[in-house]
Amino acid sequence: MKSKDISLPNVDFQALADDFRNLNPNDPGAWPLAPRIAVLVGILLLALTAGWWFLWSDQLAELEQREQEELSLKQQYLDKKRQAVNLDLYREQLAEIDRSFGALLKQLPNKSEIDALLIEVNQAGLGRGLQFDLFRPGQEQIKDFYAELPVAVKINGAYHDFGAFAADIAKLPRIVTLNNISIAPLKDGGLLSLDATTKTFRYLDEEEVARQKKPAKGAKK
C-alpha cells in the first residue's frame, strides 16, 4: 500500500488579517469567525486571571495555612503522646530531684547553727596546727532560698597542713568552700601565709523567704 501524503491545511494569514480590519465594535454579531473566537478566548483568559487574583489565590493561601496548622497540631499530638507515655518516668525523675534537693538542703545550716559551723571551721584549722591571724565574718548575702556568709581568713602554717585543712573542710557535714586562695612565704620560720575567703551557706527560714518574695511581687506591679 502506498502511504498517502498528509498535508497541513493552508492558512491564509492575509485573509485572517483582513478579518480583523475594520471591525464594527457596535455590531459584534457581524464580525467574521476568527475575531469572534479571539474575543471569546480573551474573555475566558481574563475571567480565569480575575478568578485567580480575586478568589483562588486567597483560597490557596488559606489552604496552605490550614495545612501548616494541621502539621503543627499533629506535632503537638505526638509530643503530648510522648509525654503521656513517659509520664511515670518523669514522675520518678521529679521525685529523685526532690530527694536530691532535700539532701542538699540538709547540708545548709539554719540561722542558729551558723555560729557552730564557724567554730568547726576554726577548729579544723587549729587541729592541723595552723595559726589564725584573721577570722572575720563578712556581710551576709541573701539569695533566693539561702544566704551566703563569706569569712575572710589569714592562716599561717606549713603547705601540707594547708592541704589537710582543706580536706577537713570538705569532709564537714555542711557545705563550706575556700575561695580566692593566695599563698605567700613568711619572712621567718619557713612557714607560709594563706589568705582566702571561706564561704558557708544557710537556708532561709519561712519569714525570710516571705520577705524575699514581697519585693518581687511589688516589682511585677
N, C-alpha and C. Protein backbone atom coordinates (compact mmCIF):
# COMPACT_ATOMS: atom_id res chain seq x y z
N MET A 1 0.85 -1.19 0.00
CA MET A 1 0.00 0.00 0.00
C MET A 1 0.87 1.23 0.00
N LYS A 2 0.44 2.17 -0.80
CA LYS A 2 1.15 3.43 -0.83
C LYS A 2 0.59 4.35 0.24
N SER A 3 1.49 4.93 1.01
CA SER A 3 1.02 5.86 2.04
C SER A 3 0.61 7.16 1.41
N LYS A 4 -0.49 7.68 1.93
CA LYS A 4 -0.99 8.94 1.41
C LYS A 4 -0.26 10.10 2.06
N ASP A 5 0.05 11.07 1.32
CA ASP A 5 0.70 12.27 1.86
C ASP A 5 -0.31 13.08 2.65
N ILE A 6 0.07 13.39 3.91
CA ILE A 6 -0.78 14.22 4.77
C ILE A 6 -0.27 15.64 4.69
N SER A 7 -1.08 16.50 4.18
CA SER A 7 -0.67 17.90 4.04
C SER A 7 -1.47 18.77 4.98
N LEU A 8 -0.77 19.71 5.64
CA LEU A 8 -1.43 20.63 6.55
C LEU A 8 -2.27 21.61 5.75
N PRO A 9 -3.41 21.98 6.33
CA PRO A 9 -4.25 22.96 5.61
C PRO A 9 -3.52 24.28 5.48
N ASN A 10 -3.67 24.87 4.38
CA ASN A 10 -3.05 26.16 4.15
C ASN A 10 -3.82 27.24 4.89
N VAL A 11 -3.12 28.02 5.68
CA VAL A 11 -3.73 29.12 6.43
C VAL A 11 -3.43 30.41 5.69
N ASP A 12 -4.48 31.09 5.38
CA ASP A 12 -4.35 32.37 4.67
C ASP A 12 -4.25 33.48 5.71
N PHE A 13 -3.02 33.80 6.11
CA PHE A 13 -2.83 34.82 7.14
C PHE A 13 -3.29 36.20 6.66
N GLN A 14 -3.19 36.41 5.41
CA GLN A 14 -3.65 37.70 4.88
C GLN A 14 -5.16 37.85 5.05
N ALA A 15 -5.89 36.72 4.80
CA ALA A 15 -7.34 36.76 4.97
C ALA A 15 -7.71 36.96 6.44
N LEU A 16 -6.93 36.30 7.37
CA LEU A 16 -7.19 36.48 8.79
C LEU A 16 -6.95 37.94 9.20
N ALA A 17 -5.89 38.50 8.66
CA ALA A 17 -5.61 39.90 8.98
C ALA A 17 -6.71 40.80 8.47
N ASP A 18 -7.23 40.48 7.30
CA ASP A 18 -8.32 41.29 6.75
C ASP A 18 -9.57 41.18 7.60
N ASP A 19 -9.78 39.98 8.24
CA ASP A 19 -10.96 39.81 9.09
C ASP A 19 -10.91 40.73 10.30
N PHE A 20 -9.69 41.03 10.78
CA PHE A 20 -9.57 41.86 11.98
C PHE A 20 -9.57 43.35 11.67
N ARG A 21 -9.54 43.68 10.36
CA ARG A 21 -9.55 45.09 9.99
C ARG A 21 -10.99 45.57 9.88
N ASN A 22 -11.15 46.81 10.19
CA ASN A 22 -12.44 47.49 10.01
C ASN A 22 -13.59 46.78 10.72
N LEU A 23 -13.32 46.30 11.97
CA LEU A 23 -14.39 45.68 12.76
C LEU A 23 -15.26 46.76 13.35
N ASN A 24 -16.56 46.54 13.37
CA ASN A 24 -17.51 47.48 13.94
C ASN A 24 -17.76 47.07 15.39
N PRO A 25 -17.26 47.83 16.34
CA PRO A 25 -17.44 47.43 17.75
C PRO A 25 -18.90 47.45 18.19
N ASN A 26 -19.77 48.16 17.46
CA ASN A 26 -21.17 48.21 17.83
C ASN A 26 -21.97 47.04 17.29
N ASP A 27 -21.37 46.22 16.45
CA ASP A 27 -22.10 45.09 15.86
C ASP A 27 -21.19 43.86 15.86
N PRO A 28 -20.89 43.27 17.04
CA PRO A 28 -20.01 42.10 17.09
C PRO A 28 -20.60 40.92 16.35
N GLY A 29 -21.94 40.87 16.24
CA GLY A 29 -22.55 39.72 15.56
C GLY A 29 -22.19 39.64 14.10
N ALA A 30 -21.80 40.75 13.52
CA ALA A 30 -21.44 40.76 12.10
C ALA A 30 -19.97 40.50 11.87
N TRP A 31 -19.21 40.30 12.96
CA TRP A 31 -17.79 40.07 12.79
C TRP A 31 -17.54 38.71 12.15
N PRO A 32 -16.43 38.56 11.45
CA PRO A 32 -16.04 37.25 10.95
C PRO A 32 -15.76 36.29 12.11
N LEU A 33 -15.63 35.00 11.77
CA LEU A 33 -15.48 33.96 12.80
C LEU A 33 -14.19 34.13 13.62
N ALA A 34 -13.09 34.41 12.96
CA ALA A 34 -11.80 34.49 13.67
C ALA A 34 -11.78 35.56 14.75
N PRO A 35 -12.25 36.79 14.46
CA PRO A 35 -12.26 37.78 15.54
C PRO A 35 -13.17 37.40 16.69
N ARG A 36 -14.32 36.79 16.37
CA ARG A 36 -15.23 36.40 17.46
C ARG A 36 -14.58 35.33 18.36
N ILE A 37 -13.89 34.35 17.74
CA ILE A 37 -13.20 33.34 18.54
C ILE A 37 -12.10 33.97 19.38
N ALA A 38 -11.35 34.91 18.82
CA ALA A 38 -10.26 35.57 19.55
C ALA A 38 -10.81 36.34 20.75
N VAL A 39 -11.95 37.04 20.55
CA VAL A 39 -12.53 37.80 21.66
C VAL A 39 -13.02 36.85 22.75
N LEU A 40 -13.64 35.71 22.37
CA LEU A 40 -14.12 34.75 23.37
C LEU A 40 -12.94 34.16 24.16
N VAL A 41 -11.86 33.84 23.47
CA VAL A 41 -10.67 33.32 24.17
C VAL A 41 -10.10 34.38 25.12
N GLY A 42 -10.07 35.64 24.66
CA GLY A 42 -9.58 36.71 25.52
C GLY A 42 -10.43 36.88 26.76
N ILE A 43 -11.77 36.83 26.58
CA ILE A 43 -12.68 36.95 27.74
C ILE A 43 -12.46 35.79 28.70
N LEU A 44 -12.29 34.58 28.16
CA LEU A 44 -12.06 33.42 29.02
C LEU A 44 -10.77 33.57 29.82
N LEU A 45 -9.69 34.00 29.15
CA LEU A 45 -8.41 34.19 29.86
C LEU A 45 -8.53 35.28 30.91
N LEU A 46 -9.25 36.36 30.58
CA LEU A 46 -9.44 37.44 31.53
C LEU A 46 -10.22 36.96 32.75
N ALA A 47 -11.26 36.13 32.50
CA ALA A 47 -12.05 35.60 33.61
C ALA A 47 -11.22 34.69 34.50
N LEU A 48 -10.38 33.84 33.87
CA LEU A 48 -9.50 32.96 34.66
C LEU A 48 -8.51 33.76 35.49
N THR A 49 -7.95 34.79 34.87
CA THR A 49 -6.99 35.63 35.60
C THR A 49 -7.66 36.35 36.77
N ALA A 50 -8.85 36.91 36.52
CA ALA A 50 -9.58 37.62 37.59
C ALA A 50 -9.95 36.65 38.71
N GLY A 51 -10.39 35.43 38.34
CA GLY A 51 -10.73 34.44 39.36
C GLY A 51 -9.54 34.07 40.21
N TRP A 52 -8.40 33.91 39.55
CA TRP A 52 -7.17 33.59 40.30
C TRP A 52 -6.78 34.72 41.25
N TRP A 53 -6.86 35.94 40.76
CA TRP A 53 -6.41 37.08 41.56
C TRP A 53 -7.34 37.37 42.72
N PHE A 54 -8.65 37.35 42.48
CA PHE A 54 -9.61 37.79 43.50
C PHE A 54 -10.16 36.66 44.35
N LEU A 55 -10.05 35.41 43.91
CA LEU A 55 -10.71 34.33 44.65
C LEU A 55 -9.78 33.17 44.94
N TRP A 56 -9.22 32.58 43.91
CA TRP A 56 -8.48 31.34 44.11
C TRP A 56 -7.17 31.55 44.85
N SER A 57 -6.49 32.68 44.64
CA SER A 57 -5.21 32.90 45.33
C SER A 57 -5.41 32.94 46.84
N ASP A 58 -6.48 33.62 47.30
CA ASP A 58 -6.77 33.67 48.74
C ASP A 58 -7.12 32.28 49.27
N GLN A 59 -7.89 31.54 48.48
CA GLN A 59 -8.26 30.20 48.92
C GLN A 59 -7.05 29.28 49.00
N LEU A 60 -6.14 29.40 48.03
CA LEU A 60 -4.94 28.59 48.07
C LEU A 60 -4.05 28.96 49.25
N ALA A 61 -3.96 30.28 49.54
CA ALA A 61 -3.18 30.72 50.70
C ALA A 61 -3.78 30.20 52.00
N GLU A 62 -5.12 30.24 52.08
CA GLU A 62 -5.80 29.72 53.27
C GLU A 62 -5.60 28.21 53.39
N LEU A 63 -5.64 27.52 52.24
CA LEU A 63 -5.41 26.08 52.25
C LEU A 63 -4.01 25.76 52.75
N GLU A 64 -3.02 26.52 52.30
CA GLU A 64 -1.65 26.30 52.76
C GLU A 64 -1.53 26.55 54.25
N GLN A 65 -2.22 27.61 54.74
CA GLN A 65 -2.20 27.91 56.17
C GLN A 65 -2.82 26.77 56.97
N ARG A 66 -3.94 26.23 56.47
CA ARG A 66 -4.60 25.12 57.16
C ARG A 66 -3.71 23.88 57.18
N GLU A 67 -2.98 23.66 56.09
CA GLU A 67 -2.06 22.52 56.06
C GLU A 67 -0.95 22.68 57.09
N GLN A 68 -0.44 23.91 57.23
CA GLN A 68 0.59 24.16 58.24
C GLN A 68 0.03 23.95 59.65
N GLU A 69 -1.20 24.41 59.88
CA GLU A 69 -1.84 24.21 61.19
C GLU A 69 -2.03 22.72 61.47
N GLU A 70 -2.40 21.98 60.42
CA GLU A 70 -2.57 20.55 60.59
C GLU A 70 -1.26 19.88 61.00
N LEU A 71 -0.16 20.27 60.33
CA LEU A 71 1.14 19.72 60.69
C LEU A 71 1.53 20.08 62.13
N SER A 72 1.22 21.33 62.52
CA SER A 72 1.54 21.77 63.88
C SER A 72 0.73 20.98 64.91
N LEU A 73 -0.56 20.77 64.62
CA LEU A 73 -1.40 20.01 65.55
C LEU A 73 -0.94 18.56 65.64
N LYS A 74 -0.53 17.98 64.52
CA LYS A 74 -0.02 16.61 64.55
C LYS A 74 1.23 16.51 65.41
N GLN A 75 2.13 17.54 65.29
CA GLN A 75 3.35 17.53 66.08
C GLN A 75 3.02 17.68 67.56
N GLN A 76 2.06 18.56 67.88
CA GLN A 76 1.64 18.72 69.28
C GLN A 76 1.07 17.42 69.83
N TYR A 77 0.28 16.74 69.00
CA TYR A 77 -0.30 15.47 69.43
C TYR A 77 0.79 14.45 69.72
N LEU A 78 1.80 14.38 68.83
CA LEU A 78 2.89 13.42 69.03
C LEU A 78 3.69 13.76 70.28
N ASP A 79 3.91 15.07 70.51
CA ASP A 79 4.65 15.48 71.71
C ASP A 79 3.90 15.12 72.98
N LYS A 80 2.60 15.39 73.00
CA LYS A 80 1.79 15.08 74.19
C LYS A 80 1.67 13.57 74.39
N LYS A 81 1.58 12.85 73.28
CA LYS A 81 1.53 11.39 73.38
C LYS A 81 2.83 10.86 73.97
N ARG A 82 3.95 11.43 73.51
CA ARG A 82 5.26 11.01 74.03
C ARG A 82 5.37 11.34 75.52
N GLN A 83 4.86 12.51 75.91
CA GLN A 83 4.90 12.88 77.33
C GLN A 83 4.01 11.95 78.16
N ALA A 84 2.85 11.59 77.60
CA ALA A 84 1.94 10.71 78.33
C ALA A 84 2.57 9.33 78.52
N VAL A 85 3.27 8.86 77.48
CA VAL A 85 3.91 7.55 77.58
C VAL A 85 5.02 7.57 78.64
N ASN A 86 5.74 8.71 78.73
CA ASN A 86 6.87 8.83 79.67
C ASN A 86 6.48 9.49 80.98
N LEU A 87 5.18 9.61 81.25
CA LEU A 87 4.73 10.33 82.44
C LEU A 87 5.26 9.69 83.72
N ASP A 88 5.20 8.37 83.81
CA ASP A 88 5.69 7.69 85.02
C ASP A 88 7.18 7.93 85.21
N LEU A 89 7.92 7.92 84.08
CA LEU A 89 9.36 8.17 84.17
C LEU A 89 9.63 9.60 84.65
N TYR A 90 8.85 10.57 84.13
CA TYR A 90 9.02 11.95 84.57
C TYR A 90 8.74 12.09 86.07
N ARG A 91 7.71 11.39 86.52
CA ARG A 91 7.38 11.46 87.95
C ARG A 91 8.50 10.89 88.81
N GLU A 92 9.09 9.79 88.35
CA GLU A 92 10.21 9.21 89.10
C GLU A 92 11.40 10.16 89.12
N GLN A 93 11.66 10.80 87.98
CA GLN A 93 12.77 11.76 87.93
C GLN A 93 12.51 12.95 88.84
N LEU A 94 11.26 13.43 88.86
CA LEU A 94 10.91 14.55 89.73
C LEU A 94 11.07 14.18 91.19
N ALA A 95 10.65 12.95 91.54
CA ALA A 95 10.80 12.50 92.93
C ALA A 95 12.28 12.41 93.30
N GLU A 96 13.12 11.94 92.36
CA GLU A 96 14.55 11.84 92.62
C GLU A 96 15.16 13.23 92.79
N ILE A 97 14.71 14.19 91.98
CA ILE A 97 15.19 15.57 92.12
C ILE A 97 14.81 16.13 93.48
N ASP A 98 13.57 15.86 93.91
CA ASP A 98 13.13 16.33 95.23
C ASP A 98 14.00 15.73 96.33
N ARG A 99 14.31 14.43 96.21
CA ARG A 99 15.14 13.79 97.23
C ARG A 99 16.55 14.39 97.23
N SER A 100 17.09 14.61 96.03
CA SER A 100 18.44 15.19 95.95
C SER A 100 18.46 16.60 96.52
N PHE A 101 17.42 17.37 96.18
CA PHE A 101 17.36 18.74 96.70
C PHE A 101 17.23 18.73 98.22
N GLY A 102 16.43 17.80 98.74
CA GLY A 102 16.29 17.71 100.19
C GLY A 102 17.60 17.36 100.87
N ALA A 103 18.37 16.46 100.22
CA ALA A 103 19.66 16.08 100.80
C ALA A 103 20.63 17.27 100.79
N LEU A 104 20.61 18.05 99.70
CA LEU A 104 21.47 19.24 99.65
C LEU A 104 21.02 20.28 100.66
N LEU A 105 19.71 20.42 100.82
CA LEU A 105 19.20 21.42 101.76
C LEU A 105 19.61 21.09 103.19
N LYS A 106 19.70 19.79 103.48
CA LYS A 106 20.10 19.39 104.83
C LYS A 106 21.56 19.76 105.11
N GLN A 107 22.33 19.98 104.04
CA GLN A 107 23.72 20.37 104.22
C GLN A 107 23.86 21.86 104.51
N LEU A 108 22.76 22.59 104.44
CA LEU A 108 22.80 24.01 104.77
C LEU A 108 22.30 24.20 106.20
N PRO A 109 23.07 24.82 107.04
CA PRO A 109 22.61 25.04 108.42
C PRO A 109 21.55 26.13 108.47
N ASN A 110 20.81 26.15 109.54
CA ASN A 110 19.88 27.26 109.74
C ASN A 110 20.58 28.38 110.50
N LYS A 111 19.83 29.42 110.81
CA LYS A 111 20.45 30.61 111.43
C LYS A 111 21.09 30.28 112.78
N SER A 112 20.49 29.39 113.54
CA SER A 112 21.01 29.08 114.87
C SER A 112 22.24 28.19 114.81
N GLU A 113 22.45 27.52 113.69
CA GLU A 113 23.59 26.59 113.59
C GLU A 113 24.82 27.22 112.94
N ILE A 114 24.69 28.43 112.41
CA ILE A 114 25.79 29.02 111.65
C ILE A 114 27.00 29.31 112.54
N ASP A 115 26.75 29.73 113.81
CA ASP A 115 27.87 30.01 114.71
C ASP A 115 28.65 28.74 115.02
N ALA A 116 27.93 27.64 115.22
CA ALA A 116 28.60 26.36 115.49
C ALA A 116 29.43 25.92 114.29
N LEU A 117 28.94 26.20 113.07
CA LEU A 117 29.69 25.83 111.88
C LEU A 117 30.98 26.64 111.77
N LEU A 118 30.92 27.92 112.10
CA LEU A 118 32.13 28.74 112.06
C LEU A 118 33.16 28.24 113.07
N ILE A 119 32.67 27.77 114.21
CA ILE A 119 33.59 27.22 115.21
C ILE A 119 34.24 25.95 114.66
N GLU A 120 33.46 25.14 113.93
CA GLU A 120 34.02 23.91 113.35
C GLU A 120 35.12 24.23 112.34
N VAL A 121 34.92 25.27 111.54
CA VAL A 121 35.93 25.67 110.58
C VAL A 121 37.21 26.10 111.31
N ASN A 122 37.02 26.89 112.35
CA ASN A 122 38.17 27.35 113.13
C ASN A 122 38.90 26.18 113.79
N GLN A 123 38.13 25.25 114.33
CA GLN A 123 38.74 24.10 115.00
C GLN A 123 39.47 23.20 114.00
N ALA A 124 38.95 23.14 112.75
CA ALA A 124 39.62 22.33 111.74
C ALA A 124 41.02 22.87 111.46
N GLY A 125 41.17 24.18 111.45
CA GLY A 125 42.49 24.77 111.24
C GLY A 125 43.39 24.58 112.44
N LEU A 126 42.87 24.80 113.63
CA LEU A 126 43.69 24.62 114.84
C LEU A 126 44.10 23.17 115.01
N GLY A 127 43.21 22.25 114.60
CA GLY A 127 43.54 20.83 114.73
C GLY A 127 44.70 20.41 113.86
N ARG A 128 44.98 21.18 112.81
CA ARG A 128 46.12 20.90 111.94
C ARG A 128 47.35 21.73 112.30
N GLY A 129 47.29 22.39 113.47
CA GLY A 129 48.44 23.17 113.92
C GLY A 129 48.58 24.50 113.21
N LEU A 130 47.53 24.98 112.57
CA LEU A 130 47.59 26.25 111.86
C LEU A 130 47.26 27.40 112.81
N GLN A 131 47.82 28.53 112.53
CA GLN A 131 47.60 29.73 113.36
C GLN A 131 46.76 30.74 112.57
N PHE A 132 45.63 31.15 113.16
CA PHE A 132 44.75 32.12 112.51
C PHE A 132 45.18 33.54 112.89
N ASP A 133 45.61 34.30 111.90
CA ASP A 133 45.86 35.72 112.12
C ASP A 133 44.59 36.54 111.87
N LEU A 134 43.67 35.96 111.09
CA LEU A 134 42.43 36.68 110.77
C LEU A 134 41.31 35.67 110.57
N PHE A 135 40.19 35.92 111.20
CA PHE A 135 38.98 35.13 111.01
C PHE A 135 37.80 36.09 111.17
N ARG A 136 37.42 36.73 110.03
CA ARG A 136 36.45 37.83 110.10
C ARG A 136 35.25 37.54 109.20
N PRO A 137 34.10 37.21 109.80
CA PRO A 137 32.87 37.03 109.00
C PRO A 137 32.48 38.34 108.33
N GLY A 138 32.05 38.25 107.06
CA GLY A 138 31.64 39.43 106.32
C GLY A 138 30.13 39.63 106.33
N GLN A 139 29.66 40.48 105.42
CA GLN A 139 28.23 40.77 105.32
C GLN A 139 27.52 39.60 104.65
N GLU A 140 26.48 39.13 105.28
CA GLU A 140 25.71 38.02 104.73
C GLU A 140 24.97 38.47 103.46
N GLN A 141 25.00 37.63 102.43
CA GLN A 141 24.35 37.94 101.16
C GLN A 141 23.15 37.02 100.98
N ILE A 142 21.96 37.62 100.87
CA ILE A 142 20.72 36.86 100.76
C ILE A 142 20.45 36.50 99.30
N LYS A 143 20.21 35.22 99.05
CA LYS A 143 19.85 34.73 97.71
C LYS A 143 18.37 34.35 97.72
N ASP A 144 17.96 33.52 96.74
CA ASP A 144 16.56 33.15 96.61
C ASP A 144 16.04 32.38 97.82
N PHE A 145 16.71 31.28 98.18
CA PHE A 145 16.25 30.47 99.29
C PHE A 145 17.37 30.18 100.30
N TYR A 146 18.52 30.80 100.12
CA TYR A 146 19.62 30.58 101.04
C TYR A 146 20.39 31.89 101.21
N ALA A 147 21.25 31.89 102.22
CA ALA A 147 22.11 33.04 102.48
C ALA A 147 23.56 32.58 102.42
N GLU A 148 24.40 33.45 101.90
CA GLU A 148 25.83 33.16 101.75
C GLU A 148 26.62 34.03 102.71
N LEU A 149 27.45 33.39 103.53
CA LEU A 149 28.24 34.12 104.53
C LEU A 149 29.72 33.97 104.21
N PRO A 150 30.37 35.04 103.73
CA PRO A 150 31.82 34.97 103.48
C PRO A 150 32.60 35.25 104.77
N VAL A 151 33.69 34.54 104.92
CA VAL A 151 34.56 34.73 106.08
C VAL A 151 35.99 34.91 105.57
N ALA A 152 36.56 36.07 105.82
CA ALA A 152 37.95 36.33 105.42
C ALA A 152 38.88 35.68 106.44
N VAL A 153 39.82 34.87 105.95
CA VAL A 153 40.75 34.18 106.86
C VAL A 153 42.18 34.43 106.39
N LYS A 154 43.07 34.49 107.36
CA LYS A 154 44.50 34.52 107.10
C LYS A 154 45.14 33.54 108.06
N ILE A 155 45.80 32.51 107.50
CA ILE A 155 46.31 31.40 108.30
C ILE A 155 47.79 31.21 108.01
N ASN A 156 48.54 30.95 109.07
CA ASN A 156 49.97 30.67 108.94
C ASN A 156 50.21 29.19 109.23
N GLY A 157 51.09 28.56 108.42
CA GLY A 157 51.40 27.16 108.66
C GLY A 157 52.19 26.57 107.52
N ALA A 158 52.35 25.25 107.56
CA ALA A 158 53.08 24.54 106.53
C ALA A 158 52.15 24.21 105.36
N TYR A 159 52.77 24.00 104.20
CA TYR A 159 51.98 23.78 102.97
C TYR A 159 51.10 22.53 103.10
N HIS A 160 51.67 21.45 103.61
CA HIS A 160 50.90 20.21 103.72
C HIS A 160 49.77 20.35 104.74
N ASP A 161 49.98 21.17 105.75
CA ASP A 161 48.91 21.40 106.72
C ASP A 161 47.75 22.16 106.08
N PHE A 162 48.08 23.06 105.15
CA PHE A 162 47.01 23.75 104.40
C PHE A 162 46.18 22.73 103.61
N GLY A 163 46.85 21.78 102.97
CA GLY A 163 46.14 20.76 102.21
C GLY A 163 45.26 19.90 103.10
N ALA A 164 45.77 19.53 104.27
CA ALA A 164 44.98 18.73 105.21
C ALA A 164 43.78 19.54 105.72
N PHE A 165 43.99 20.83 105.95
CA PHE A 165 42.89 21.70 106.40
C PHE A 165 41.80 21.77 105.34
N ALA A 166 42.19 21.92 104.08
CA ALA A 166 41.21 21.97 103.00
C ALA A 166 40.42 20.66 102.91
N ALA A 167 41.13 19.52 103.11
CA ALA A 167 40.45 18.23 103.09
C ALA A 167 39.48 18.10 104.24
N ASP A 168 39.86 18.60 105.41
CA ASP A 168 38.95 18.55 106.57
C ASP A 168 37.72 19.42 106.33
N ILE A 169 37.91 20.57 105.68
CA ILE A 169 36.78 21.44 105.37
C ILE A 169 35.80 20.71 104.44
N ALA A 170 36.34 19.99 103.45
CA ALA A 170 35.49 19.28 102.50
C ALA A 170 34.71 18.15 103.16
N LYS A 171 35.23 17.61 104.27
CA LYS A 171 34.56 16.50 104.95
C LYS A 171 33.49 16.95 105.93
N LEU A 172 33.38 18.24 106.17
CA LEU A 172 32.37 18.72 107.11
C LEU A 172 30.97 18.36 106.60
N PRO A 173 30.03 18.09 107.51
CA PRO A 173 28.68 17.73 107.08
C PRO A 173 27.94 18.89 106.42
N ARG A 174 28.42 20.10 106.62
CA ARG A 174 27.82 21.27 105.99
C ARG A 174 28.68 21.74 104.83
N ILE A 175 28.07 22.50 103.94
CA ILE A 175 28.78 23.00 102.76
C ILE A 175 29.65 24.19 103.15
N VAL A 176 30.96 24.04 102.91
CA VAL A 176 31.92 25.12 103.15
C VAL A 176 32.89 25.12 101.97
N THR A 177 33.17 26.29 101.42
CA THR A 177 34.09 26.38 100.28
C THR A 177 35.22 27.35 100.59
N LEU A 178 36.37 27.11 99.96
CA LEU A 178 37.51 28.01 100.05
C LEU A 178 37.67 28.72 98.71
N ASN A 179 37.71 30.05 98.74
CA ASN A 179 37.74 30.83 97.52
C ASN A 179 38.85 31.88 97.60
N ASN A 180 39.30 32.33 96.42
CA ASN A 180 40.29 33.41 96.32
C ASN A 180 41.53 33.11 97.18
N ILE A 181 42.06 31.92 97.00
CA ILE A 181 43.20 31.48 97.81
C ILE A 181 44.50 32.11 97.29
N SER A 182 45.27 32.64 98.24
CA SER A 182 46.57 33.22 97.91
C SER A 182 47.56 32.78 98.99
N ILE A 183 48.69 32.19 98.54
CA ILE A 183 49.70 31.69 99.48
C ILE A 183 51.01 32.43 99.24
N ALA A 184 51.61 32.89 100.33
CA ALA A 184 52.89 33.61 100.24
C ALA A 184 53.79 33.15 101.39
N PRO A 185 55.11 33.14 101.19
CA PRO A 185 56.04 32.72 102.26
C PRO A 185 56.16 33.80 103.33
N LEU A 186 56.31 33.36 104.56
CA LEU A 186 56.59 34.30 105.65
C LEU A 186 58.08 34.61 105.69
N LYS A 187 58.42 35.71 106.35
CA LYS A 187 59.81 36.15 106.36
C LYS A 187 60.67 35.26 107.23
N ASP A 188 60.07 34.67 108.25
CA ASP A 188 60.89 33.86 109.15
C ASP A 188 60.19 32.52 109.42
N GLY A 189 60.95 31.55 109.77
CA GLY A 189 60.41 30.27 110.21
C GLY A 189 60.12 29.29 109.10
N GLY A 190 60.24 29.68 107.84
CA GLY A 190 59.98 28.76 106.74
C GLY A 190 58.53 28.38 106.57
N LEU A 191 57.61 29.13 107.19
CA LEU A 191 56.19 28.84 107.06
C LEU A 191 55.57 29.67 105.95
N LEU A 192 54.32 29.38 105.66
CA LEU A 192 53.58 30.08 104.62
C LEU A 192 52.38 30.79 105.21
N SER A 193 51.91 31.80 104.50
CA SER A 193 50.71 32.53 104.90
C SER A 193 49.64 32.33 103.82
N LEU A 194 48.47 31.91 104.23
CA LEU A 194 47.36 31.66 103.30
C LEU A 194 46.27 32.69 103.55
N ASP A 195 45.93 33.43 102.51
CA ASP A 195 44.79 34.34 102.54
C ASP A 195 43.68 33.73 101.68
N ALA A 196 42.48 33.70 102.19
CA ALA A 196 41.37 33.10 101.44
C ALA A 196 40.05 33.65 101.98
N THR A 197 39.03 33.37 101.22
CA THR A 197 37.66 33.67 101.66
C THR A 197 36.92 32.36 101.80
N THR A 198 36.56 32.06 103.02
CA THR A 198 35.78 30.85 103.29
C THR A 198 34.31 31.21 103.21
N LYS A 199 33.57 30.46 102.42
CA LYS A 199 32.13 30.73 102.29
C LYS A 199 31.34 29.57 102.85
N THR A 200 30.39 29.90 103.67
CA THR A 200 29.44 28.90 104.15
C THR A 200 28.03 29.40 103.86
N PHE A 201 27.09 28.52 103.92
CA PHE A 201 25.75 28.84 103.46
C PHE A 201 24.73 28.35 104.49
N ARG A 202 23.60 29.02 104.52
CA ARG A 202 22.49 28.57 105.36
C ARG A 202 21.20 28.79 104.59
N TYR A 203 20.19 27.98 104.91
CA TYR A 203 18.91 28.18 104.24
C TYR A 203 18.09 29.21 105.00
N LEU A 204 17.24 29.91 104.29
CA LEU A 204 16.40 30.94 104.89
C LEU A 204 15.20 30.31 105.57
N ASP A 205 14.79 30.90 106.67
CA ASP A 205 13.57 30.41 107.32
C ASP A 205 12.35 30.96 106.57
N GLU A 206 11.16 30.54 106.98
CA GLU A 206 9.94 30.91 106.26
C GLU A 206 9.71 32.42 106.25
N GLU A 207 10.03 33.07 107.35
CA GLU A 207 9.83 34.52 107.42
C GLU A 207 10.76 35.25 106.45
N GLU A 208 12.00 34.79 106.35
CA GLU A 208 12.96 35.41 105.43
C GLU A 208 12.57 35.17 103.97
N VAL A 209 12.09 33.96 103.67
CA VAL A 209 11.64 33.66 102.31
C VAL A 209 10.46 34.55 101.94
N ALA A 210 9.54 34.77 102.89
CA ALA A 210 8.38 35.63 102.63
C ALA A 210 8.83 37.06 102.34
N ARG A 211 9.85 37.54 103.07
CA ARG A 211 10.34 38.89 102.82
C ARG A 211 11.00 38.98 101.45
N GLN A 212 11.63 37.90 101.00
CA GLN A 212 12.25 37.89 99.68
C GLN A 212 11.20 37.96 98.57
N LYS A 213 10.06 37.33 98.78
CA LYS A 213 9.02 37.28 97.75
C LYS A 213 8.27 38.59 97.64
N LYS A 214 8.16 39.36 98.71
CA LYS A 214 7.40 40.60 98.68
C LYS A 214 7.97 41.62 97.69
N PRO A 215 9.28 41.89 97.68
CA PRO A 215 9.80 42.84 96.67
C PRO A 215 9.56 42.36 95.25
N ALA A 216 9.64 41.04 95.03
CA ALA A 216 9.42 40.51 93.68
C ALA A 216 8.00 40.78 93.23
N LYS A 217 7.01 40.59 94.14
CA LYS A 217 5.62 40.87 93.77
C LYS A 217 5.41 42.35 93.50
N GLY A 218 6.07 43.20 94.32
CA GLY A 218 5.92 44.64 94.11
C GLY A 218 6.51 45.07 92.78
N ALA A 219 7.62 44.45 92.36
CA ALA A 219 8.25 44.81 91.09
C ALA A 219 7.37 44.45 89.92
N LYS A 220 6.60 43.33 90.01
CA LYS A 220 5.71 42.93 88.92
C LYS A 220 4.58 43.94 88.72
N LYS A 221 4.11 44.53 89.79
CA LYS A 221 3.04 45.53 89.68
C LYS A 221 3.54 46.76 88.96
